[in-house]
Structures are given as C-alpha cells and as structure tokens.
Amino acid sequence: MAGPSTTTIAQRINNWPTLFSVGLFPVVVLAYAWLAHREEQQMLARFGDAYRAYQRRVPMFIPRWGQWRKLADTSRNTHDEPGVR
C-alpha cells in the first residue's frame, strides 16, 4: 500500500496559489463593483446633473468598442509630444 506519489503532492503544493486566486477573484470583482457603485452615489450627490451627463458619455468600467482606437491615438499623441511624460 503505497501512499500518494511525491509528484502528486508537489503538484498540489505548487497549484494552491492558483486555486486561491481563482477562488478570490469573484470576491475582488464584487468588492470593486460595490465600491464603484458607492463612489458613483457620492458623485451624484455632489455633482448632480453634471455627473449624470458624464455617465451618459462615459461607460462605467470598459470603454465602448469604437473608443479603443481613439484612446490609443490620444495616448500615443500625448506621449509623442516633446517635453510630455
């Protein structure tokens, strides 16, 4: 009756950080979304209609599909100017 092989034990020890990260990922995403919602409520209370207009123009987390190229071009142009870091 042989016990588990050393390779299996080594693989289990080696994989636990990955399993921990995968298990923690949903918790981090939910916490981030909750904090973003809370901050959004604070901005609405502080800036009112001006912030509502901003919300209509700017997506919450991920830029709209057509905005990716515009963002890249803006970033590239900003960093290409002399004296700009």
Protein backbone atom coordinates (compact mmCIF):
# COMPACT_ATOMS: atom_id res chain seq x y z
CA MET A 1 0.00 0.00 0.00
CA ALA A 2 1.87 2.95 -1.26
CA GLY A 3 0.79 6.49 -0.40
CA PRO A 4 0.34 9.33 -2.85
CA SER A 5 3.33 9.88 -5.06
CA THR A 6 5.64 12.80 -4.40
CA THR A 7 4.78 14.25 -7.80
CA THR A 8 1.12 14.48 -6.84
CA ILE A 9 1.96 16.16 -3.54
CA ALA A 10 4.36 18.56 -5.26
CA GLN A 11 1.72 19.40 -7.87
CA ARG A 12 -0.86 20.08 -5.18
CA ILE A 13 1.53 22.32 -3.26
CA ASN A 14 2.52 24.12 -6.46
CA ASN A 15 -1.10 24.73 -7.54
CA TRP A 16 -2.61 26.06 -4.33
CA PRO A 17 -1.81 29.75 -5.04
CA THR A 18 -3.61 29.45 -8.38
CA LEU A 19 -6.64 27.85 -6.77
CA PHE A 20 -6.64 30.54 -4.08
CA SER A 21 -6.51 33.29 -6.73
CA VAL A 22 -9.32 31.76 -8.76
CA GLY A 23 -11.45 31.44 -5.63
CA LEU A 24 -10.72 35.00 -4.55
CA PHE A 25 -11.34 36.59 -7.97
CA PRO A 26 -15.17 36.82 -7.66
CA VAL A 27 -14.82 38.38 -4.20
CA VAL A 28 -12.46 41.06 -5.55
CA VAL A 29 -14.73 41.80 -8.52
CA LEU A 30 -17.80 42.11 -6.29
CA ALA A 31 -15.96 44.36 -3.83
CA TYR A 32 -14.72 46.57 -6.69
CA ALA A 33 -18.22 46.85 -8.19
CA TRP A 34 -19.70 47.68 -4.78
CA LEU A 35 -17.08 50.39 -4.16
CA ALA A 36 -17.62 51.83 -7.65
CA HIS A 37 -21.38 51.97 -7.06
CA ARG A 38 -20.84 53.67 -3.70
CA GLU A 39 -18.50 56.23 -5.24
CA GLU A 40 -20.98 56.83 -8.05
CA GLN A 41 -23.68 57.66 -5.48
CA GLN A 42 -21.31 60.12 -3.80
CA MET A 43 -20.55 61.80 -7.14
CA LEU A 44 -24.26 62.07 -7.94
CA ALA A 45 -24.90 63.69 -4.57
CA ARG A 46 -22.01 66.11 -5.07
CA PHE A 47 -22.30 67.00 -8.77
CA GLY A 48 -25.91 66.09 -9.66
CA ASP A 49 -26.92 66.62 -13.29
CA ALA A 50 -23.36 67.33 -14.45
CA TYR A 51 -22.33 63.85 -13.29
CA ARG A 52 -25.43 62.29 -14.91
CA ALA A 53 -24.36 63.85 -18.21
CA TYR A 54 -20.86 62.45 -17.69
CA GLN A 55 -22.36 58.99 -17.02
CA ARG A 56 -24.19 59.10 -20.35
CA ARG A 57 -20.94 59.88 -22.21
CA VAL A 58 -18.55 57.56 -20.36
CA PRO A 59 -19.08 53.85 -19.65
CA MET A 60 -18.51 52.65 -16.10
CA PHE A 61 -15.73 50.07 -16.50
CA ILE A 62 -14.88 49.22 -20.10
CA PRO A 63 -14.64 51.76 -22.95
CA ARG A 64 -17.10 51.32 -25.80
CA TRP A 65 -15.79 49.31 -28.73
CA GLY A 66 -15.29 52.30 -31.03
CA GLN A 67 -13.41 54.25 -28.36
CA TRP A 68 -10.41 51.90 -28.15
CA ARG A 69 -8.67 53.33 -31.24
CA LYS A 70 -9.44 56.91 -30.17
CA LEU A 71 -7.98 56.22 -26.71
CA ALA A 72 -4.86 54.64 -28.23
CA ASP A 73 -4.38 57.55 -30.67
CA THR A 74 -4.84 60.11 -27.90
CA SER A 75 -2.37 58.30 -25.68
CA ARG A 76 0.15 57.95 -28.50
CA ASN A 77 -0.15 61.64 -29.46
CA THR A 78 0.19 62.77 -25.86
CA HIS A 79 3.34 60.75 -25.32
CA ASP A 80 4.87 61.77 -28.66
CA GLU A 81 4.88 65.49 -27.79
CA PRO A 82 8.28 66.81 -26.71
CA GLY A 83 8.55 67.53 -23.01
CA VAL A 84 5.47 65.46 -22.14
CA ARG A 85 5.91 62.39 -20.00
